[in-house]
N, C-alpha and C. Protein backbone atom coordinates (compact mmCIF):
# COMPACT_ATOMS: atom_id res chain seq x y z
N MET A 1 144.27 113.40 49.22
CA MET A 1 143.73 112.11 48.84
C MET A 1 142.78 112.30 47.66
N ASN A 2 142.96 111.52 46.62
CA ASN A 2 142.16 111.61 45.42
C ASN A 2 141.31 110.35 45.29
N ILE A 3 139.99 110.52 45.33
CA ILE A 3 139.08 109.38 45.27
C ILE A 3 138.34 109.42 43.93
N ASP A 4 138.30 108.31 43.23
CA ASP A 4 137.54 108.20 42.00
C ASP A 4 136.16 107.64 42.35
N ILE A 5 135.21 108.55 42.53
CA ILE A 5 133.85 108.16 42.96
C ILE A 5 133.22 107.19 41.96
N ARG A 6 133.36 107.50 40.67
CA ARG A 6 132.75 106.64 39.66
C ARG A 6 133.26 105.20 39.78
N LYS A 7 134.58 105.06 39.87
CA LYS A 7 135.17 103.73 39.96
C LYS A 7 134.73 103.03 41.24
N SER A 8 134.70 103.77 42.32
CA SER A 8 134.29 103.20 43.60
C SER A 8 132.86 102.67 43.53
N ILE A 9 131.95 103.45 42.96
CA ILE A 9 130.55 103.03 42.84
C ILE A 9 130.45 101.81 41.92
N HIS A 10 131.13 101.87 40.78
CA HIS A 10 131.12 100.73 39.87
C HIS A 10 131.64 99.47 40.57
N ASP A 11 132.74 99.59 41.28
CA ASP A 11 133.32 98.43 41.97
C ASP A 11 132.40 97.91 43.07
N ASN A 12 131.77 98.82 43.82
CA ASN A 12 130.90 98.41 44.92
C ASN A 12 129.62 97.73 44.46
N PHE A 13 129.15 98.06 43.26
CA PHE A 13 127.86 97.54 42.81
C PHE A 13 127.95 96.58 41.63
N LYS A 14 129.17 96.23 41.19
CA LYS A 14 129.30 95.41 39.99
C LYS A 14 128.63 94.05 40.12
N ASP A 15 128.56 93.50 41.30
CA ASP A 15 127.93 92.19 41.50
C ASP A 15 126.56 92.29 42.18
N ALA A 16 126.06 93.51 42.36
CA ALA A 16 124.78 93.70 43.03
C ALA A 16 123.62 93.35 42.10
N ASN A 17 122.56 92.83 42.68
CA ASN A 17 121.36 92.58 41.88
C ASN A 17 120.43 93.79 41.95
N GLU A 18 119.34 93.75 41.21
CA GLU A 18 118.42 94.89 41.14
C GLU A 18 117.87 95.27 42.50
N SER A 19 117.55 94.28 43.31
CA SER A 19 116.97 94.58 44.61
C SER A 19 117.98 95.24 45.54
N GLU A 20 119.23 94.87 45.45
CA GLU A 20 120.28 95.51 46.26
C GLU A 20 120.50 96.95 45.82
N ILE A 21 120.46 97.18 44.53
CA ILE A 21 120.61 98.55 44.02
C ILE A 21 119.43 99.40 44.46
N ARG A 22 118.23 98.85 44.35
CA ARG A 22 117.03 99.57 44.80
C ARG A 22 117.13 99.92 46.28
N ALA A 23 117.53 98.96 47.09
CA ALA A 23 117.65 99.18 48.53
C ALA A 23 118.67 100.28 48.83
N SER A 24 119.77 100.30 48.10
CA SER A 24 120.78 101.34 48.31
C SER A 24 120.26 102.72 47.95
N ILE A 25 119.55 102.80 46.83
CA ILE A 25 118.98 104.09 46.41
C ILE A 25 117.94 104.55 47.42
N THR A 26 117.03 103.64 47.79
CA THR A 26 115.98 103.99 48.75
C THR A 26 116.57 104.43 50.08
N SER A 27 117.55 103.71 50.56
CA SER A 27 118.19 104.05 51.83
C SER A 27 118.87 105.42 51.76
N ALA A 28 119.58 105.67 50.67
CA ALA A 28 120.27 106.96 50.52
C ALA A 28 119.28 108.12 50.55
N ILE A 29 118.13 107.94 49.91
CA ILE A 29 117.12 109.00 49.87
C ILE A 29 116.44 109.15 51.22
N GLU A 30 116.04 108.04 51.81
CA GLU A 30 115.33 108.10 53.09
C GLU A 30 116.20 108.63 54.22
N ASP A 31 117.48 108.28 54.22
CA ASP A 31 118.38 108.72 55.28
C ASP A 31 118.78 110.18 55.14
N LYS A 32 118.57 110.74 53.96
CA LYS A 32 118.93 112.14 53.68
C LYS A 32 120.38 112.42 54.06
N ASP A 33 121.21 111.44 53.80
CA ASP A 33 122.63 111.53 54.13
C ASP A 33 123.37 112.19 52.98
N GLU A 34 123.92 113.36 53.21
CA GLU A 34 124.61 114.14 52.17
C GLU A 34 125.77 113.37 51.55
N ILE A 35 126.38 112.49 52.30
CA ILE A 35 127.55 111.76 51.79
C ILE A 35 127.19 110.80 50.65
N THR A 36 125.91 110.42 50.55
CA THR A 36 125.50 109.49 49.50
C THR A 36 125.16 110.20 48.19
N LEU A 37 125.07 111.51 48.19
CA LEU A 37 124.69 112.24 46.98
C LEU A 37 125.63 111.99 45.79
N PRO A 38 126.93 111.95 45.98
CA PRO A 38 127.79 111.65 44.83
C PRO A 38 127.51 110.28 44.21
N GLY A 39 127.22 109.30 45.04
CA GLY A 39 126.89 107.96 44.53
C GLY A 39 125.61 107.98 43.72
N LEU A 40 124.61 108.71 44.21
CA LEU A 40 123.37 108.84 43.45
C LEU A 40 123.62 109.56 42.14
N GLY A 41 124.54 110.49 42.16
CA GLY A 41 124.92 111.19 40.93
C GLY A 41 125.54 110.24 39.91
N VAL A 42 126.32 109.29 40.38
CA VAL A 42 126.91 108.29 39.48
C VAL A 42 125.79 107.42 38.89
N PHE A 43 124.81 107.06 39.72
CA PHE A 43 123.67 106.29 39.20
C PHE A 43 122.91 107.10 38.15
N LEU A 44 122.71 108.40 38.39
CA LEU A 44 122.03 109.24 37.41
C LEU A 44 122.84 109.30 36.12
N GLU A 45 124.15 109.41 36.24
CA GLU A 45 125.01 109.44 35.06
C GLU A 45 124.85 108.14 34.25
N LEU A 46 124.83 107.00 34.92
CA LEU A 46 124.64 105.72 34.24
C LEU A 46 123.27 105.66 33.56
N LEU A 47 122.26 106.13 34.27
CA LEU A 47 120.91 106.17 33.70
C LEU A 47 120.88 107.02 32.45
N TRP A 48 121.45 108.20 32.53
CA TRP A 48 121.47 109.14 31.41
C TRP A 48 122.22 108.56 30.21
N GLU A 49 123.40 108.01 30.46
CA GLU A 49 124.23 107.48 29.38
C GLU A 49 123.61 106.27 28.69
N ASN A 50 122.74 105.56 29.39
CA ASN A 50 122.13 104.36 28.83
C ASN A 50 120.67 104.57 28.43
N SER A 51 120.26 105.83 28.27
CA SER A 51 118.89 106.15 27.90
C SER A 51 118.84 106.73 26.49
N ASP A 52 117.74 106.47 25.81
CA ASP A 52 117.53 107.10 24.51
C ASP A 52 116.94 108.50 24.74
N GLU A 53 116.75 109.24 23.67
CA GLU A 53 116.30 110.64 23.80
C GLU A 53 114.93 110.74 24.47
N SER A 54 114.04 109.84 24.17
CA SER A 54 112.70 109.85 24.78
C SER A 54 112.81 109.65 26.30
N SER A 55 113.63 108.72 26.71
CA SER A 55 113.83 108.47 28.14
C SER A 55 114.49 109.66 28.82
N ARG A 56 115.40 110.30 28.13
CA ARG A 56 116.06 111.50 28.69
C ARG A 56 115.04 112.62 28.89
N GLU A 57 114.13 112.78 27.95
CA GLU A 57 113.08 113.80 28.12
C GLU A 57 112.22 113.48 29.33
N TYR A 58 111.91 112.20 29.54
CA TYR A 58 111.14 111.78 30.70
C TYR A 58 111.90 112.08 31.99
N ILE A 59 113.18 111.78 32.00
CA ILE A 59 114.01 112.05 33.18
C ILE A 59 114.00 113.54 33.51
N ILE A 60 114.22 114.37 32.50
CA ILE A 60 114.23 115.82 32.70
C ILE A 60 112.89 116.30 33.20
N SER A 61 111.82 115.82 32.57
CA SER A 61 110.47 116.22 32.98
C SER A 61 110.18 115.82 34.43
N THR A 62 110.58 114.62 34.80
CA THR A 62 110.35 114.14 36.16
C THR A 62 111.14 114.97 37.16
N ILE A 63 112.39 115.29 36.85
CA ILE A 63 113.20 116.13 37.73
C ILE A 63 112.56 117.51 37.86
N LYS A 64 112.14 118.06 36.74
CA LYS A 64 111.51 119.41 36.76
C LYS A 64 110.27 119.39 37.65
N LYS A 65 109.44 118.37 37.55
CA LYS A 65 108.24 118.28 38.39
C LYS A 65 108.60 118.25 39.88
N GLY A 66 109.70 117.58 40.19
CA GLY A 66 110.12 117.47 41.58
C GLY A 66 110.69 118.77 42.15
N ILE A 67 111.21 119.60 41.26
CA ILE A 67 111.79 120.86 41.70
C ILE A 67 110.68 121.87 41.94
């Protein structure tokens, strides 16, 4: 079985509002459910692709601080 995670995430959230997206992210992190990690990765990919260089430096710095 071949699943396109990116397409699935896009389809599942295309009509979601900001608060629904926030709730999904918060829930995925709080539940520490490994199955949600690919979806969070898709969100990170969207964030990265839609960020300018300054924002990307901030993202990297924030991730580094967390590690």
